[in-house]
Amino acid sequence: MFSKRDLIGVCGVIALTAAACTPTVRLEVAPIQIYAKLDADVRIRLDRELQDLLVENPNLF
């Protein structure tokens, strides 16, 4: 039969072989360009909503 030393050697070779066969996963994402135009009306509405929230919740900040 195999000696303990031979068994450890075989296990080492199997471990190295398994480590060499690990798959590589690569994820590549193309850059996305987003163009946004904020309208003044949107800012006014947001400002009004923020003011209303502050009036309703004075301890918010």
PDB file of N, CA and C in Angstrom:
ATOM      1  N   MET A   1       0.830  -1.180   0.000  1.00  0.00           N
ATOM      2  CA  MET A   1       0.000   0.000   0.000  1.00  0.00           C
ATOM      3  C   MET A   1       0.880   1.251   0.000  1.00  0.00           C
ATOM      4  N   PHE A   2       0.209   2.374   0.063  1.00  0.00           N
ATOM      5  CA  PHE A   2       0.926   3.645   0.049  1.00  0.00           C
ATOM      6  C   PHE A   2       1.327   4.032   1.454  1.00  0.00           C
ATOM      7  N   SER A   3       2.490   4.655   1.538  1.00  0.00           N
ATOM      8  CA  SER A   3       2.898   5.173   2.838  1.00  0.00           C
ATOM      9  C   SER A   3       2.230   6.529   3.064  1.00  0.00           C
ATOM     10  N   LYS A   4       2.307   7.002   4.277  1.00  0.00           N
ATOM     11  CA  LYS A   4       1.700   8.288   4.626  1.00  0.00           C
ATOM     12  C   LYS A   4       2.332   9.413   3.804  1.00  0.00           C
ATOM     13  N   ARG A   5       3.620   9.303   3.567  1.00  0.00           N
ATOM     14  CA  ARG A   5       4.343  10.315   2.784  1.00  0.00           C
ATOM     15  C   ARG A   5       3.846  10.344   1.340  1.00  0.00           C
ATOM     16  N   ASP A   6       3.637   9.172   0.758  1.00  0.00           N
ATOM     17  CA  ASP A   6       3.131   9.094  -0.616  1.00  0.00           C
ATOM     18  C   ASP A   6       1.721   9.675  -0.712  1.00  0.00           C
ATOM     19  N   LEU A   7       0.898   9.385   0.282  1.00  0.00           N
ATOM     20  CA  LEU A   7      -0.472   9.881   0.307  1.00  0.00           C
ATOM     21  C   LEU A   7      -0.502  11.410   0.403  1.00  0.00           C
ATOM     22  N   ILE A   8       0.365  11.965   1.228  1.00  0.00           N
ATOM     23  CA  ILE A   8       0.444  13.427   1.352  1.00  0.00           C
ATOM     24  C   ILE A   8       0.931  14.039   0.044  1.00  0.00           C
ATOM     25  N   GLY A   9       1.873  13.405  -0.615  1.00  0.00           N
ATOM     26  CA  GLY A   9       2.366  13.891  -1.899  1.00  0.00           C
ATOM     27  C   GLY A   9       1.285  13.877  -2.965  1.00  0.00           C
ATOM     28  N   VAL A  10       0.507  12.817  -3.023  1.00  0.00           N
ATOM     29  CA  VAL A  10      -0.577  12.709  -4.000  1.00  0.00           C
ATOM     30  C   VAL A  10      -1.639  13.770  -3.716  1.00  0.00           C
ATOM     31  N   CYS A  11      -1.974  13.956  -2.438  1.00  0.00           N
ATOM     32  CA  CYS A  11      -2.949  14.994  -2.073  1.00  0.00           C
ATOM     33  C   CYS A  11      -2.440  16.383  -2.454  1.00  0.00           C
ATOM     34  N   GLY A  12      -1.161  16.624  -2.289  1.00  0.00           N
ATOM     35  CA  GLY A  12      -0.570  17.913  -2.673  1.00  0.00           C
ATOM     36  C   GLY A  12      -0.667  18.157  -4.168  1.00  0.00           C
ATOM     37  N   VAL A  13      -0.384  17.129  -4.955  1.00  0.00           N
ATOM     38  CA  VAL A  13      -0.475  17.252  -6.412  1.00  0.00           C
ATOM     39  C   VAL A  13      -1.919  17.497  -6.831  1.00  0.00           C
ATOM     40  N   ILE A  14      -2.852  16.801  -6.214  1.00  0.00           N
ATOM     41  CA  ILE A  14      -4.274  16.999  -6.531  1.00  0.00           C
ATOM     42  C   ILE A  14      -4.700  18.423  -6.165  1.00  0.00           C
ATOM     43  N   ALA A  15      -4.251  18.915  -5.021  1.00  0.00           N
ATOM     44  CA  ALA A  15      -4.617  20.273  -4.592  1.00  0.00           C
ATOM     45  C   ALA A  15      -4.058  21.315  -5.555  1.00  0.00           C
ATOM     46  N   LEU A  16      -2.826  21.151  -5.983  1.00  0.00           N
ATOM     47  CA  LEU A  16      -2.230  22.099  -6.931  1.00  0.00           C
ATOM     48  C   LEU A  16      -2.937  22.048  -8.277  1.00  0.00           C
ATOM     49  N   THR A  17      -3.308  20.869  -8.705  1.00  0.00           N
ATOM     50  CA  THR A  17      -4.019  20.728  -9.976  1.00  0.00           C
ATOM     51  C   THR A  17      -5.389  21.380  -9.894  1.00  0.00           C
ATOM     52  N   ALA A  18      -6.077  21.191  -8.802  1.00  0.00           N
ATOM     53  CA  ALA A  18      -7.406  21.785  -8.636  1.00  0.00           C
ATOM     54  C   ALA A  18      -7.300  23.306  -8.566  1.00  0.00           C
ATOM     55  N   ALA A  19      -6.268  23.817  -7.911  1.00  0.00           N
ATOM     56  CA  ALA A  19      -6.091  25.272  -7.805  1.00  0.00           C
ATOM     57  C   ALA A  19      -5.763  25.881  -9.166  1.00  0.00           C
ATOM     58  N   ALA A  20      -5.066  25.140 -10.000  1.00  0.00           N
ATOM     59  CA  ALA A  20      -4.705  25.659 -11.319  1.00  0.00           C
ATOM     60  C   ALA A  20      -5.900  25.695 -12.262  1.00  0.00           C
ATOM     61  N   CYS A  21      -6.956  24.954 -11.957  1.00  0.00           N
ATOM     62  CA  CYS A  21      -8.111  24.870 -12.843  1.00  0.00           C
ATOM     63  C   CYS A  21      -9.282  25.737 -12.395  1.00  0.00           C
ATOM     64  N   THR A  22      -9.045  26.644 -11.455  1.00  0.00           N
ATOM     65  CA  THR A  22     -10.148  27.483 -10.996  1.00  0.00           C
ATOM     66  C   THR A  22     -10.559  28.441 -12.101  1.00  0.00           C
ATOM     67  N   PRO A  23     -11.848  28.605 -12.320  1.00  0.00           N
ATOM     68  CA  PRO A  23     -12.307  29.496 -13.391  1.00  0.00           C
ATOM     69  C   PRO A  23     -12.106  30.966 -13.027  1.00  0.00           C
ATOM     70  N   THR A  24     -11.919  31.779 -14.046  1.00  0.00           N
ATOM     71  CA  THR A  24     -11.763  33.215 -13.864  1.00  0.00           C
ATOM     72  C   THR A  24     -13.005  33.904 -14.407  1.00  0.00           C
ATOM     73  N   VAL A  25     -13.585  34.747 -13.593  1.00  0.00           N
ATOM     74  CA  VAL A  25     -14.779  35.487 -13.994  1.00  0.00           C
ATOM     75  C   VAL A  25     -14.388  36.955 -14.136  1.00  0.00           C
ATOM     76  N   ARG A  26     -14.651  37.519 -15.289  1.00  0.00           N
ATOM     77  CA  ARG A  26     -14.346  38.924 -15.529  1.00  0.00           C
ATOM     78  C   ARG A  26     -15.636  39.653 -15.854  1.00  0.00           C
ATOM     79  N   LEU A  27     -15.821  40.779 -15.218  1.00  0.00           N
ATOM     80  CA  LEU A  27     -17.009  41.583 -15.439  1.00  0.00           C
ATOM     81  C   LEU A  27     -16.573  42.909 -16.016  1.00  0.00           C
ATOM     82  N   GLU A  28     -17.058  43.228 -17.203  1.00  0.00           N
ATOM     83  CA  GLU A  28     -16.690  44.478 -17.858  1.00  0.00           C
ATOM     84  C   GLU A  28     -17.960  45.265 -18.126  1.00  0.00           C
ATOM     85  N   VAL A  29     -17.974  46.485 -17.627  1.00  0.00           N
ATOM     86  CA  VAL A  29     -19.147  47.341 -17.781  1.00  0.00           C
ATOM     87  C   VAL A  29     -18.755  48.537 -18.632  1.00  0.00           C
ATOM     88  N   ALA A  30     -19.510  48.761 -19.687  1.00  0.00           N
ATOM     89  CA  ALA A  30     -19.246  49.912 -20.546  1.00  0.00           C
ATOM     90  C   ALA A  30     -19.718  51.181 -19.841  1.00  0.00           C
ATOM     91  N   PRO A  31     -18.973  52.268 -19.975  1.00  0.00           N
ATOM     92  CA  PRO A  31     -19.393  53.517 -19.330  1.00  0.00           C
ATOM     93  C   PRO A  31     -20.695  54.041 -19.926  1.00  0.00           C
ATOM     94  N   ILE A  32     -21.518  54.582 -19.063  1.00  0.00           N
ATOM     95  CA  ILE A  32     -22.812  55.119 -19.475  1.00  0.00           C
ATOM     96  C   ILE A  32     -22.774  56.631 -19.294  1.00  0.00           C
ATOM     97  N   GLN A  33     -23.148  57.341 -20.316  1.00  0.00           N
ATOM     98  CA  GLN A  33     -23.198  58.798 -20.232  1.00  0.00           C
ATOM     99  C   GLN A  33     -24.649  59.218 -20.069  1.00  0.00           C
ATOM    100  N   ILE A  34     -24.896  60.007 -19.043  1.00  0.00           N
ATOM    101  CA  ILE A  34     -26.247  60.478 -18.776  1.00  0.00           C
ATOM    102  C   ILE A  34     -26.234  61.997 -18.866  1.00  0.00           C
ATOM    103  N   TYR A  35     -27.084  62.509 -19.704  1.00  0.00           N
ATOM    104  CA  TYR A  35     -27.222  63.949 -19.835  1.00  0.00           C
ATOM    105  C   TYR A  35     -28.546  64.350 -19.200  1.00  0.00           C
ATOM    106  N   ALA A  36     -28.471  65.278 -18.264  1.00  0.00           N
ATOM    107  CA  ALA A  36     -29.688  65.695 -17.569  1.00  0.00           C
ATOM    108  C   ALA A  36     -29.765  67.217 -17.580  1.00  0.00           C
ATOM    109  N   LYS A  37     -30.951  67.696 -17.771  1.00  0.00           N
ATOM    110  CA  LYS A  37     -31.176  69.135 -17.757  1.00  0.00           C
ATOM    111  C   LYS A  37     -32.215  69.411 -16.680  1.00  0.00           C
ATOM    112  N   LEU A  38     -31.836  70.199 -15.689  1.00  0.00           N
ATOM    113  CA  LEU A  38     -32.761  70.553 -14.631  1.00  0.00           C
ATOM    114  C   LEU A  38     -33.467  71.838 -14.994  1.00  0.00           C
ATOM    115  N   ASP A  39     -34.741  71.797 -14.907  1.00  0.00           N
ATOM    116  CA  ASP A  39     -35.553  72.965 -15.213  1.00  0.00           C
ATOM    117  C   ASP A  39     -35.724  73.783 -13.933  1.00  0.00           C
ATOM    118  N   ALA A  40     -35.843  75.103 -14.077  1.00  0.00           N
ATOM    119  CA  ALA A  40     -36.012  75.973 -12.919  1.00  0.00           C
ATOM    120  C   ALA A  40     -37.304  75.640 -12.179  1.00  0.00           C
ATOM    121  N   ASP A  41     -38.307  75.200 -12.900  1.00  0.00           N
ATOM    122  CA  ASP A  41     -39.583  74.847 -12.283  1.00  0.00           C
ATOM    123  C   ASP A  41     -39.410  73.689 -11.297  1.00  0.00           C
ATOM    124  N   VAL A  42     -38.565  72.751 -11.637  1.00  0.00           N
ATOM    125  CA  VAL A  42     -38.313  71.612 -10.753  1.00  0.00           C
ATOM    126  C   VAL A  42     -37.665  72.100  -9.465  1.00  0.00           C
ATOM    127  N   ARG A  43     -36.716  72.989  -9.580  1.00  0.00           N
ATOM    128  CA  ARG A  43     -36.049  73.510  -8.384  1.00  0.00           C
ATOM    129  C   ARG A  43     -37.027  74.277  -7.504  1.00  0.00           C
ATOM    130  N   ILE A  44     -37.902  75.055  -8.105  1.00  0.00           N
ATOM    131  CA  ILE A  44     -38.870  75.819  -7.322  1.00  0.00           C
ATOM    132  C   ILE A  44     -39.809  74.875  -6.577  1.00  0.00           C
ATOM    133  N   ARG A  45     -40.256  73.826  -7.250  1.00  0.00           N
ATOM    134  CA  ARG A  45     -41.141  72.861  -6.595  1.00  0.00           C
ATOM    135  C   ARG A  45     -40.433  72.163  -5.439  1.00  0.00           C
ATOM    136  N   LEU A  46     -39.181  71.785  -5.657  1.00  0.00           N
ATOM    137  CA  LEU A  46     -38.425  71.131  -4.592  1.00  0.00           C
ATOM    138  C   LEU A  46     -38.213  72.078  -3.419  1.00  0.00           C
ATOM    139  N   ASP A  47     -37.908  73.340  -3.711  1.00  0.00           N
ATOM    140  CA  ASP A  47     -37.729  74.320  -2.643  1.00  0.00           C
ATOM    141  C   ASP A  47     -39.016  74.494  -1.852  1.00  0.00           C
ATOM    142  N   ARG A  48     -40.135  74.541  -2.522  1.00  0.00           N
ATOM    143  CA  ARG A  48     -41.420  74.686  -1.836  1.00  0.00           C
ATOM    144  C   ARG A  48     -41.717  73.464  -0.973  1.00  0.00           C
ATOM    145  N   GLU A  49     -41.462  72.275  -1.505  1.00  0.00           N
ATOM    146  CA  GLU A  49     -41.698  71.062  -0.725  1.00  0.00           C
ATOM    147  C   GLU A  49     -40.798  71.015   0.507  1.00  0.00           C
ATOM    148  N   LEU A  50     -39.562  71.441   0.346  1.00  0.00           N
ATOM    149  CA  LEU A  50     -38.642  71.471   1.477  1.00  0.00           C
ATOM    150  C   LEU A  50     -39.113  72.472   2.525  1.00  0.00           C
ATOM    151  N   GLN A  51     -39.554  73.636   2.096  1.00  0.00           N
ATOM    152  CA  GLN A  51     -40.063  74.630   3.042  1.00  0.00           C
ATOM    153  C   GLN A  51     -41.288  74.095   3.771  1.00  0.00           C
ATOM    154  N   ASP A  52     -42.185  73.428   3.058  1.00  0.00           N
ATOM    155  CA  ASP A  52     -43.370  72.842   3.696  1.00  0.00           C
ATOM    156  C   ASP A  52     -42.977  71.783   4.728  1.00  0.00           C
ATOM    157  N   LEU A  53     -41.984  70.958   4.388  1.00  0.00           N
ATOM    158  CA  LEU A  53     -41.524  69.949   5.338  1.00  0.00           C
ATOM    159  C   LEU A  53     -40.925  70.588   6.582  1.00  0.00           C
ATOM    160  N   LEU A  54     -40.168  71.658   6.397  1.00  0.00           N
ATOM    161  CA  LEU A  54     -39.566  72.338   7.541  1.00  0.00           C
ATOM    162  C   LEU A  54     -40.620  72.989   8.426  1.00  0.00           C
ATOM    163  N   VAL A  55     -41.694  73.494   7.817  1.00  0.00           N
ATOM    164  CA  VAL A  55     -42.764  74.089   8.601  1.00  0.00           C
ATOM    165  C   VAL A  55     -43.493  72.994   9.405  1.00  0.00           C
ATOM    166  N   GLU A  56     -43.714  71.852   8.779  1.00  0.00           N
ATOM    167  CA  GLU A  56     -44.404  70.745   9.445  1.00  0.00           C
ATOM    168  C   GLU A  56     -43.536  70.087  10.518  1.00  0.00           C
ATOM    169  N   ASN A  57     -42.226  70.043  10.271  1.00  0.00           N
ATOM    170  CA  ASN A  57     -41.276  69.386  11.187  1.00  0.00           C
ATOM    171  C   ASN A  57     -40.155  70.352  11.535  1.00  0.00           C
ATOM    172  N   PRO A  58     -40.346  71.260  12.464  1.00  0.00           N
ATOM    173  CA  PRO A  58     -39.303  72.258  12.760  1.00  0.00           C
ATOM    174  C   PRO A  58     -38.032  71.650  13.365  1.00  0.00           C
ATOM    175  N   ASN A  59     -38.119  70.497  13.950  1.00  0.00           N
ATOM    176  CA  ASN A  59     -36.948  69.852  14.576  1.00  0.00           C
ATOM    177  C   ASN A  59     -36.250  68.875  13.631  1.00  0.00           C
ATOM    178  N   LEU A  60     -36.521  68.989  12.348  1.00  0.00           N
ATOM    179  CA  LEU A  60     -35.941  68.058  11.377  1.00  0.00           C
ATOM    180  C   LEU A  60     -34.434  68.193  11.286  1.00  0.00           C
ATOM    181  N   PHE A  61     -33.944  69.409  11.341  1.00  0.00           N
ATOM    182  CA  PHE A  61     -32.493  69.639  11.260  1.00  0.00           C
ATOM    183  C   PHE A  61     -31.964  70.169  12.548  1.00  0.00           C
TER     184      PHE A  61
END
